[in-house]
Amino acid sequence: MTLEERARRIRLLVLDVDGVLTDGSINISGNGELFKSFNVRDGLGIKLLQKIGVEVAILTGRTSAIVAERARELGITHVLQGQRYKVPAYEDLVARLGLSDDEVAYMGDDLPDAPLLARAGLAATPADGNPELDVHWRVPAAGGHGAVRALAELIVKSRGGWDALVRDVFYEGR
């Protein structure tokens, strides 16, 4: 099956956070405050997926109020934090949504993501993801630098109508 054929079947995109939505850096101030940076292009890619009816979920081993706030800003309702072993949370989410693994795209960047990458119908990692990961697509952009946007565009374009979507959303405000 081609990458485009895999992308066309996707109804849910599940994302790790550190190293995928961020560059993997964890910055802590002198008084213990945590900082993370997110790329606005990734956020726009998520919004485009939502516009065509693709669900988006966050599944991460860490717990962070910053991640919860970013998810809220983007309208992501499936936010699963503190999941050191991710498989049970993934299985529960997929079952609740009535989907099969073939309808799920997963983007992760390191070894804790390997079990889900092995199951997903479309497995992707950022350009700087662990080279040992077995994926369908190593996205040309690095984590936190447009990797999610590239995957989102692949999924949207695989269904046709990219130009119409861009026109509707950005030129006509629909």
N, C-alpha and C. Protein backbone atom coordinates (compact mmCIF):
# COMPACT_ATOMS: atom_id res chain seq x y z
N MET A 1 0.84 -1.17 0.00
CA MET A 1 0.00 0.00 0.00
C MET A 1 0.89 1.24 0.00
N THR A 2 0.53 2.23 -0.81
CA THR A 2 1.33 3.45 -0.89
C THR A 2 1.07 4.34 0.33
N LEU A 3 1.95 5.29 0.52
CA LEU A 3 1.80 6.24 1.61
C LEU A 3 0.50 7.03 1.45
N GLU A 4 0.20 7.45 0.23
CA GLU A 4 -1.03 8.20 -0.03
C GLU A 4 -2.27 7.35 0.26
N GLU A 5 -2.24 6.08 -0.09
CA GLU A 5 -3.38 5.20 0.21
C GLU A 5 -3.57 5.05 1.72
N ARG A 6 -2.48 4.93 2.44
CA ARG A 6 -2.56 4.86 3.90
C ARG A 6 -3.17 6.15 4.46
N ALA A 7 -2.70 7.28 3.96
CA ALA A 7 -3.16 8.58 4.44
C ALA A 7 -4.65 8.79 4.18
N ARG A 8 -5.13 8.31 3.07
CA ARG A 8 -6.53 8.49 2.68
C ARG A 8 -7.48 7.82 3.68
N ARG A 9 -7.03 6.77 4.35
CA ARG A 9 -7.88 6.00 5.27
C ARG A 9 -7.96 6.59 6.68
N ILE A 10 -7.14 7.59 6.97
CA ILE A 10 -6.99 8.08 8.34
C ILE A 10 -8.22 8.87 8.81
N ARG A 11 -8.70 8.49 10.01
CA ARG A 11 -9.81 9.19 10.66
C ARG A 11 -9.40 9.76 12.02
N LEU A 12 -8.21 9.35 12.49
CA LEU A 12 -7.69 9.82 13.78
C LEU A 12 -6.18 9.97 13.68
N LEU A 13 -5.68 11.14 14.10
CA LEU A 13 -4.24 11.36 14.22
C LEU A 13 -3.92 11.45 15.70
N VAL A 14 -3.02 10.58 16.16
CA VAL A 14 -2.57 10.58 17.55
C VAL A 14 -1.14 11.10 17.57
N LEU A 15 -0.89 12.07 18.45
CA LEU A 15 0.41 12.73 18.51
C LEU A 15 1.05 12.60 19.88
N ASP A 16 2.33 12.26 19.89
CA ASP A 16 3.15 12.43 21.08
C ASP A 16 3.42 13.93 21.18
N VAL A 17 3.95 14.39 22.29
CA VAL A 17 4.20 15.82 22.45
C VAL A 17 5.68 16.14 22.32
N ASP A 18 6.48 15.72 23.31
CA ASP A 18 7.90 16.09 23.33
C ASP A 18 8.63 15.42 22.17
N GLY A 19 9.21 16.23 21.29
CA GLY A 19 9.90 15.72 20.12
C GLY A 19 9.02 15.63 18.89
N VAL A 20 7.73 15.88 19.04
CA VAL A 20 6.79 15.87 17.91
C VAL A 20 6.14 17.24 17.78
N LEU A 21 5.31 17.61 18.77
CA LEU A 21 4.72 18.95 18.79
C LEU A 21 5.71 19.99 19.29
N THR A 22 6.76 19.54 19.99
CA THR A 22 7.84 20.42 20.43
C THR A 22 9.15 19.86 19.89
N ASP A 23 10.22 20.62 20.08
CA ASP A 23 11.53 20.13 19.61
C ASP A 23 12.17 19.16 20.60
N GLY A 24 11.45 18.83 21.65
CA GLY A 24 11.96 17.88 22.64
C GLY A 24 12.63 18.55 23.82
N SER A 25 12.85 19.85 23.74
CA SER A 25 13.47 20.57 24.85
C SER A 25 12.48 20.76 25.98
N ILE A 26 12.96 20.63 27.19
CA ILE A 26 12.16 20.95 28.36
C ILE A 26 12.92 22.02 29.11
N ASN A 27 12.38 23.23 29.12
CA ASN A 27 13.03 24.37 29.75
C ASN A 27 12.37 24.65 31.09
N ILE A 28 13.20 24.78 32.12
CA ILE A 28 12.69 25.03 33.46
C ILE A 28 13.36 26.28 34.00
N SER A 29 12.55 27.23 34.46
CA SER A 29 13.08 28.48 34.99
C SER A 29 13.70 28.24 36.36
N GLY A 30 14.37 29.26 36.88
CA GLY A 30 15.00 29.18 38.18
C GLY A 30 14.03 28.88 39.31
N ASN A 31 12.77 29.28 39.13
CA ASN A 31 11.78 28.99 40.18
C ASN A 31 10.93 27.77 39.85
N GLY A 32 11.42 26.94 38.92
CA GLY A 32 10.77 25.66 38.64
C GLY A 32 9.64 25.69 37.63
N GLU A 33 9.42 26.82 36.98
CA GLU A 33 8.35 26.92 35.99
C GLU A 33 8.79 26.27 34.68
N LEU A 34 7.91 25.44 34.13
CA LEU A 34 8.18 24.69 32.90
C LEU A 34 7.76 25.50 31.68
N PHE A 35 8.60 25.46 30.63
CA PHE A 35 8.29 26.13 29.37
C PHE A 35 8.41 25.15 28.22
N LYS A 36 7.49 25.23 27.26
CA LYS A 36 7.56 24.46 26.02
C LYS A 36 7.18 25.39 24.89
N SER A 37 7.74 25.16 23.71
CA SER A 37 7.40 25.96 22.53
C SER A 37 6.69 25.08 21.52
N PHE A 38 5.63 25.61 20.93
CA PHE A 38 4.86 24.92 19.90
C PHE A 38 4.93 25.74 18.62
N ASN A 39 4.89 25.05 17.48
CA ASN A 39 4.96 25.71 16.18
C ASN A 39 3.55 26.02 15.69
N VAL A 40 3.31 27.27 15.30
CA VAL A 40 1.97 27.65 14.84
C VAL A 40 1.59 26.92 13.56
N ARG A 41 2.57 26.56 12.75
CA ARG A 41 2.25 25.81 11.52
C ARG A 41 1.69 24.43 11.84
N ASP A 42 2.23 23.80 12.87
CA ASP A 42 1.66 22.51 13.31
C ASP A 42 0.21 22.71 13.75
N GLY A 43 -0.04 23.78 14.48
CA GLY A 43 -1.40 24.07 14.93
C GLY A 43 -2.35 24.26 13.77
N LEU A 44 -1.90 24.95 12.73
CA LEU A 44 -2.75 25.14 11.56
C LEU A 44 -3.02 23.81 10.87
N GLY A 45 -2.03 22.95 10.80
CA GLY A 45 -2.23 21.62 10.22
C GLY A 45 -3.29 20.84 10.98
N ILE A 46 -3.27 20.93 12.30
CA ILE A 46 -4.27 20.27 13.13
C ILE A 46 -5.65 20.82 12.83
N LYS A 47 -5.77 22.14 12.73
CA LYS A 47 -7.07 22.76 12.43
C LYS A 47 -7.58 22.32 11.06
N LEU A 48 -6.70 22.19 10.08
CA LEU A 48 -7.12 21.73 8.75
C LEU A 48 -7.64 20.30 8.81
N LEU A 49 -6.98 19.45 9.57
CA LEU A 49 -7.47 18.08 9.73
C LEU A 49 -8.86 18.08 10.36
N GLN A 50 -9.03 18.87 11.38
CA GLN A 50 -10.34 18.94 12.04
C GLN A 50 -11.41 19.43 11.07
N LYS A 51 -11.03 20.34 10.19
CA LYS A 51 -11.97 20.90 9.21
C LYS A 51 -12.51 19.82 8.27
N ILE A 52 -11.69 18.79 7.98
CA ILE A 52 -12.14 17.71 7.09
C ILE A 52 -12.66 16.51 7.87
N GLY A 53 -12.81 16.65 9.19
CA GLY A 53 -13.41 15.60 10.00
C GLY A 53 -12.47 14.58 10.60
N VAL A 54 -11.17 14.83 10.54
CA VAL A 54 -10.20 13.92 11.17
C VAL A 54 -10.05 14.33 12.64
N GLU A 55 -10.25 13.37 13.53
CA GLU A 55 -10.05 13.60 14.97
C GLU A 55 -8.56 13.69 15.25
N VAL A 56 -8.19 14.48 16.25
CA VAL A 56 -6.79 14.59 16.67
C VAL A 56 -6.74 14.33 18.17
N ALA A 57 -5.73 13.57 18.58
CA ALA A 57 -5.54 13.25 20.00
C ALA A 57 -4.08 13.46 20.38
N ILE A 58 -3.88 13.78 21.63
CA ILE A 58 -2.54 13.87 22.21
C ILE A 58 -2.40 12.71 23.19
N LEU A 59 -1.29 11.99 23.07
CA LEU A 59 -0.99 10.86 23.96
C LEU A 59 0.47 10.98 24.37
N THR A 60 0.70 11.32 25.63
CA THR A 60 2.05 11.63 26.08
C THR A 60 2.36 11.01 27.44
N GLY A 61 3.62 10.72 27.65
CA GLY A 61 4.05 10.14 28.90
C GLY A 61 4.13 11.14 30.04
N ARG A 62 4.30 12.41 29.70
CA ARG A 62 4.41 13.45 30.72
C ARG A 62 3.05 14.10 30.96
N THR A 63 2.96 14.86 32.04
CA THR A 63 1.76 15.63 32.34
C THR A 63 2.15 17.09 32.47
N SER A 64 1.43 17.95 31.76
CA SER A 64 1.79 19.37 31.73
C SER A 64 0.56 20.23 31.50
N ALA A 65 0.41 21.27 32.31
CA ALA A 65 -0.67 22.23 32.12
C ALA A 65 -0.50 22.96 30.79
N ILE A 66 0.74 23.13 30.36
CA ILE A 66 1.02 23.80 29.09
C ILE A 66 0.43 23.00 27.94
N VAL A 67 0.59 21.69 27.97
CA VAL A 67 0.03 20.83 26.92
C VAL A 67 -1.49 20.88 26.94
N ALA A 68 -2.08 20.85 28.12
CA ALA A 68 -3.54 20.93 28.23
C ALA A 68 -4.04 22.25 27.64
N GLU A 69 -3.35 23.34 27.91
CA GLU A 69 -3.75 24.64 27.38
C GLU A 69 -3.61 24.69 25.85
N ARG A 70 -2.51 24.17 25.32
CA ARG A 70 -2.34 24.16 23.86
C ARG A 70 -3.42 23.31 23.20
N ALA A 71 -3.74 22.17 23.80
CA ALA A 71 -4.81 21.32 23.26
C ALA A 71 -6.14 22.06 23.28
N ARG A 72 -6.42 22.77 24.36
CA ARG A 72 -7.66 23.54 24.45
C ARG A 72 -7.73 24.59 23.35
N GLU A 73 -6.61 25.31 23.14
CA GLU A 73 -6.56 26.33 22.08
C GLU A 73 -6.87 25.75 20.71
N LEU A 74 -6.42 24.52 20.48
CA LEU A 74 -6.58 23.88 19.17
C LEU A 74 -7.87 23.08 19.06
N GLY A 75 -8.64 22.99 20.12
CA GLY A 75 -9.88 22.23 20.08
C GLY A 75 -9.67 20.73 20.09
N ILE A 76 -8.53 20.29 20.64
CA ILE A 76 -8.25 18.86 20.77
C ILE A 76 -8.91 18.37 22.06
N THR A 77 -9.87 17.48 21.93
CA THR A 77 -10.61 17.02 23.11
C THR A 77 -10.07 15.72 23.69
N HIS A 78 -9.31 14.98 22.92
CA HIS A 78 -8.73 13.72 23.39
C HIS A 78 -7.29 14.01 23.84
N VAL A 79 -7.12 14.26 25.12
CA VAL A 79 -5.81 14.61 25.68
C VAL A 79 -5.49 13.59 26.77
N LEU A 80 -4.55 12.71 26.48
CA LEU A 80 -4.18 11.62 27.39
C LEU A 80 -2.75 11.86 27.86
N GLN A 81 -2.61 12.42 29.05
CA GLN A 81 -1.30 12.74 29.60
C GLN A 81 -0.95 11.76 30.71
N GLY A 82 0.35 11.71 31.04
CA GLY A 82 0.82 10.84 32.12
C GLY A 82 0.75 9.37 31.78
N GLN A 83 0.83 9.05 30.49
CA GLN A 83 0.70 7.66 30.03
C GLN A 83 2.09 7.10 29.72
N ARG A 84 2.81 6.69 30.74
CA ARG A 84 4.18 6.17 30.52
C ARG A 84 4.17 4.95 29.60
N TYR A 85 3.20 4.07 29.78
CA TYR A 85 3.00 2.95 28.87
C TYR A 85 1.75 3.29 28.08
N LYS A 86 1.91 3.58 26.81
CA LYS A 86 0.85 4.21 26.02
C LYS A 86 -0.18 3.26 25.41
N VAL A 87 0.14 1.99 25.33
CA VAL A 87 -0.74 1.06 24.61
C VAL A 87 -2.16 1.01 25.18
N PRO A 88 -2.37 0.85 26.49
CA PRO A 88 -3.75 0.77 26.99
C PRO A 88 -4.57 2.03 26.67
N ALA A 89 -3.97 3.20 26.81
CA ALA A 89 -4.69 4.45 26.52
C ALA A 89 -5.05 4.53 25.04
N TYR A 90 -4.12 4.11 24.18
CA TYR A 90 -4.37 4.08 22.74
C TYR A 90 -5.52 3.14 22.42
N GLU A 91 -5.47 1.93 22.96
CA GLU A 91 -6.51 0.93 22.69
C GLU A 91 -7.88 1.42 23.15
N ASP A 92 -7.93 2.05 24.30
CA ASP A 92 -9.19 2.58 24.82
C ASP A 92 -9.73 3.68 23.90
N LEU A 93 -8.88 4.59 23.48
CA LEU A 93 -9.30 5.68 22.60
C LEU A 93 -9.83 5.16 21.27
N VAL A 94 -9.08 4.27 20.65
CA VAL A 94 -9.49 3.71 19.35
C VAL A 94 -10.83 2.97 19.49
N ALA A 95 -10.99 2.22 20.57
CA ALA A 95 -12.25 1.50 20.80
C ALA A 95 -13.41 2.47 21.03
N ARG A 96 -13.18 3.51 21.84
CA ARG A 96 -14.25 4.49 22.11
C ARG A 96 -14.71 5.18 20.84
N LEU A 97 -13.79 5.41 19.91
CA LEU A 97 -14.13 6.08 18.65
C LEU A 97 -14.62 5.10 17.59
N GLY A 98 -14.59 3.80 17.90
CA GLY A 98 -15.08 2.79 16.96
C GLY A 98 -14.21 2.66 15.72
N LEU A 99 -12.91 2.82 15.90
CA LEU A 99 -11.98 2.77 14.77
C LEU A 99 -11.13 1.51 14.81
N SER A 100 -10.45 1.25 13.70
CA SER A 100 -9.45 0.18 13.64
C SER A 100 -8.08 0.83 13.53
N ASP A 101 -7.03 0.06 13.80
CA ASP A 101 -5.67 0.59 13.69
C ASP A 101 -5.39 1.18 12.31
N ASP A 102 -5.96 0.59 11.27
CA ASP A 102 -5.73 1.07 9.90
C ASP A 102 -6.23 2.49 9.69
N GLU A 103 -7.15 2.95 10.54
CA GLU A 103 -7.72 4.29 10.41
C GLU A 103 -7.00 5.32 11.28
N VAL A 104 -5.90 4.89 11.90
CA VAL A 104 -5.17 5.75 12.83
C VAL A 104 -3.79 6.06 12.27
N ALA A 105 -3.44 7.35 12.32
CA ALA A 105 -2.06 7.78 12.07
C ALA A 105 -1.46 8.10 13.43
N TYR A 106 -0.21 7.69 13.63
CA TYR A 106 0.47 7.98 14.89
C TYR A 106 1.81 8.61 14.56
N MET A 107 2.13 9.72 15.24
CA MET A 107 3.44 10.33 15.09
C MET A 107 4.13 10.34 16.45
N GLY A 108 5.27 9.67 16.50
CA GLY A 108 6.09 9.63 17.70
C GLY A 108 7.55 9.77 17.31
N ASP A 109 8.39 10.04 18.28
CA ASP A 109 9.79 10.32 17.96
C ASP A 109 10.81 9.42 18.63
N ASP A 110 10.38 8.53 19.54
CA ASP A 110 11.40 7.76 20.25
C ASP A 110 10.84 6.39 20.66
N LEU A 111 11.66 5.61 21.33
CA LEU A 111 11.34 4.22 21.62
C LEU A 111 10.03 3.99 22.37
N PRO A 112 9.60 4.86 23.30
CA PRO A 112 8.30 4.62 23.93
C PRO A 112 7.13 4.62 22.93
N ASP A 113 7.34 5.19 21.75
CA ASP A 113 6.30 5.26 20.73
C ASP A 113 6.29 4.04 19.81
N ALA A 114 7.33 3.22 19.87
CA ALA A 114 7.48 2.10 18.93
C ALA A 114 6.28 1.15 18.91
N PRO A 115 5.69 0.76 20.06
CA PRO A 115 4.55 -0.16 19.98
C PRO A 115 3.36 0.41 19.22
N LEU A 116 3.13 1.71 19.34
CA LEU A 116 2.00 2.32 18.64
C LEU A 116 2.33 2.56 17.17
N LEU A 117 3.56 2.89 16.88
CA LEU A 117 3.97 3.04 15.48
C LEU A 117 3.82 1.71 14.75
N ALA A 118 4.07 0.61 15.45
CA ALA A 118 3.94 -0.72 14.83
C ALA A 118 2.48 -1.06 14.52
N ARG A 119 1.55 -0.47 15.23
CA ARG A 119 0.12 -0.78 15.05
C ARG A 119 -0.58 0.15 14.08
N ALA A 120 -0.15 1.39 14.02
CA ALA A 120 -0.89 2.42 13.27
C ALA A 120 -0.91 2.14 11.77
N GLY A 121 -2.03 2.50 11.16
CA GLY A 121 -2.16 2.37 9.71
C GLY A 121 -1.21 3.28 8.97
N LEU A 122 -0.85 4.40 9.60
CA LEU A 122 0.15 5.32 9.06
C LEU A 122 1.04 5.73 10.22
N ALA A 123 2.27 5.25 10.22
CA ALA A 123 3.24 5.53 11.28
C ALA A 123 4.25 6.54 10.75
N ALA A 124 4.44 7.63 11.51
CA ALA A 124 5.35 8.68 11.07
C ALA A 124 6.21 9.15 12.23
N THR A 125 7.38 9.65 11.89
CA THR A 125 8.26 10.25 12.87
C THR A 125 8.88 11.49 12.25
N PRO A 126 9.19 12.50 13.07
CA PRO A 126 9.88 13.68 12.54
C PRO A 126 11.26 13.30 12.00
N ALA A 127 11.84 14.19 11.22
CA ALA A 127 13.16 13.96 10.63
C ALA A 127 14.20 13.62 11.68
N ASP A 128 14.08 14.21 12.87
CA ASP A 128 15.06 13.97 13.93
C ASP A 128 14.59 12.91 14.93
N GLY A 129 13.58 12.13 14.56
CA GLY A 129 13.13 11.03 15.40
C GLY A 129 14.18 9.93 15.46
N ASN A 130 14.07 9.07 16.45
CA ASN A 130 15.02 7.98 16.63
C ASN A 130 15.12 7.16 15.34
N PRO A 131 16.34 6.97 14.81
CA PRO A 131 16.50 6.23 13.55
C PRO A 131 16.12 4.76 13.65
N GLU A 132 15.99 4.23 14.86
CA GLU A 132 15.60 2.82 15.02
C GLU A 132 14.11 2.59 14.83
N LEU A 133 13.32 3.65 14.80
CA LEU A 133 11.87 3.49 14.66
C LEU A 133 11.52 3.00 13.26
N ASP A 134 10.62 2.02 13.21
CA ASP A 134 10.13 1.46 11.95
C ASP A 134 8.84 2.19 11.59
N VAL A 135 8.92 3.07 10.60
CA VAL A 135 7.77 3.92 10.24
C VAL A 135 7.49 3.85 8.75
N HIS A 136 6.30 4.27 8.37
CA HIS A 136 5.94 4.37 6.96
C HIS A 136 6.53 5.64 6.35
N TRP A 137 6.69 6.69 7.17
CA TRP A 137 7.19 7.96 6.65
C TRP A 137 8.01 8.68 7.70
N ARG A 138 9.26 8.99 7.34
CA ARG A 138 10.11 9.87 8.13
C ARG A 138 9.91 11.25 7.53
N VAL A 139 9.14 12.08 8.20
CA VAL A 139 8.74 13.39 7.71
C VAL A 139 9.99 14.27 7.54
N PRO A 140 10.07 15.09 6.49
CA PRO A 140 11.27 15.90 6.28
C PRO A 140 11.51 16.99 7.33
N ALA A 141 10.50 17.39 8.08
CA ALA A 141 10.66 18.43 9.09
C ALA A 141 10.95 17.82 10.46
N ALA A 142 11.66 18.57 11.28
CA ALA A 142 12.00 18.12 12.63
C ALA A 142 10.82 18.33 13.58
N GLY A 143 10.87 17.65 14.71
CA GLY A 143 9.86 17.82 15.73
C GLY A 143 9.82 19.26 16.23
N GLY A 144 8.61 19.81 16.35
CA GLY A 144 8.46 21.19 16.79
C GLY A 144 8.75 22.21 15.71
N HIS A 145 9.05 21.74 14.52
CA HIS A 145 9.40 22.62 13.40
C HIS A 145 8.62 22.28 12.14
N GLY A 146 7.36 21.91 12.30
CA GLY A 146 6.51 21.66 11.15
C GLY A 146 6.30 20.20 10.79
N ALA A 147 6.77 19.27 11.60
CA ALA A 147 6.58 17.84 11.29
C ALA A 147 5.09 17.47 11.27
N VAL A 148 4.35 17.96 12.25
CA VAL A 148 2.91 17.65 12.31
C VAL A 148 2.20 18.28 11.12
N ARG A 149 2.59 19.48 10.75
CA ARG A 149 1.98 20.14 9.59
C ARG A 149 2.19 19.32 8.33
N ALA A 150 3.40 18.79 8.14
CA ALA A 150 3.68 17.99 6.95
C ALA A 150 2.79 16.75 6.90
N LEU A 151 2.63 16.09 8.03
CA LEU A 151 1.77 14.91 8.08
C LEU A 151 0.31 15.29 7.85
N ALA A 152 -0.12 16.39 8.43
CA ALA A 152 -1.49 16.86 8.23
C ALA A 152 -1.75 17.15 6.75
N GLU A 153 -0.81 17.81 6.10
CA GLU A 153 -0.98 18.11 4.68
C GLU A 153 -1.05 16.83 3.85
N LEU A 154 -0.23 15.85 4.18
CA LEU A 154 -0.28 14.57 3.47
C LEU A 154 -1.68 13.96 3.57
N ILE A 155 -2.23 13.95 4.77
CA ILE A 155 -3.55 13.36 4.99
C ILE A 155 -4.62 14.15 4.22
N VAL A 156 -4.59 15.47 4.33
CA VAL A 156 -5.59 16.29 3.65
C VAL A 156 -5.47 16.14 2.13
N LYS A 157 -4.27 16.24 1.61
CA LYS A 157 -4.07 16.17 0.15
C LYS A 157 -4.39 14.80 -0.41
N SER A 158 -4.26 13.75 0.40
CA SER A 158 -4.55 12.40 -0.09
C SER A 158 -6.02 12.23 -0.46
N ARG A 159 -6.86 13.10 0.07
CA ARG A 159 -8.30 13.02 -0.18
C ARG A 159 -8.75 13.94 -1.30
N GLY A 160 -7.81 14.71 -1.86
CA GLY A 160 -8.18 15.69 -2.87
C GLY A 160 -8.82 16.90 -2.21
N GLY A 161 -9.01 17.94 -2.96
CA GLY A 161 -9.69 19.12 -2.43
C GLY A 161 -8.83 20.06 -1.63
N TRP A 162 -7.51 19.92 -1.69
CA TRP A 162 -6.62 20.82 -0.95
C TRP A 162 -6.87 22.27 -1.34
N ASP A 163 -6.89 22.56 -2.64
CA ASP A 163 -7.07 23.94 -3.10
C ASP A 163 -8.40 24.50 -2.64
N ALA A 164 -9.45 23.70 -2.71
CA ALA A 164 -10.77 24.15 -2.27
C ALA A 164 -10.78 24.42 -0.76
N LEU A 165 -10.12 23.58 0.01
CA LEU A 165 -10.05 23.77 1.46
C LEU A 165 -9.32 25.07 1.79
N VAL A 166 -8.18 25.29 1.15
CA VAL A 166 -7.41 26.51 1.38
C VAL A 166 -8.25 27.74 1.01
N ARG A 167 -8.93 27.68 -0.12
CA ARG A 167 -9.77 28.79 -0.56
C ARG A 167 -10.90 29.04 0.45
N ASP A 168 -11.58 27.96 0.85
CA ASP A 168 -12.71 28.10 1.78
C ASP A 168 -12.27 28.67 3.13
N VAL A 169 -11.17 28.17 3.65
CA VAL A 169 -10.74 28.56 4.99
C VAL A 169 -10.07 29.93 5.00
N PHE A 170 -9.18 30.18 4.04
CA PHE A 170 -8.35 31.38 4.13
C PHE A 170 -8.80 32.54 3.25
N TYR A 171 -9.52 32.24 2.19
CA TYR A 171 -9.96 33.32 1.31
C TYR A 171 -11.42 33.68 1.54
N GLU A 172 -12.21 32.70 1.96
CA GLU A 172 -13.63 32.95 2.13
C GLU A 172 -14.09 32.82 3.58
N GLY A 173 -13.16 32.46 4.47
CA GLY A 173 -13.45 32.44 5.90
C GLY A 173 -14.49 31.44 6.37
N ARG A 174 -14.58 30.32 5.70
CA ARG A 174 -15.57 29.30 6.10
C ARG A 174 -14.98 28.29 7.06
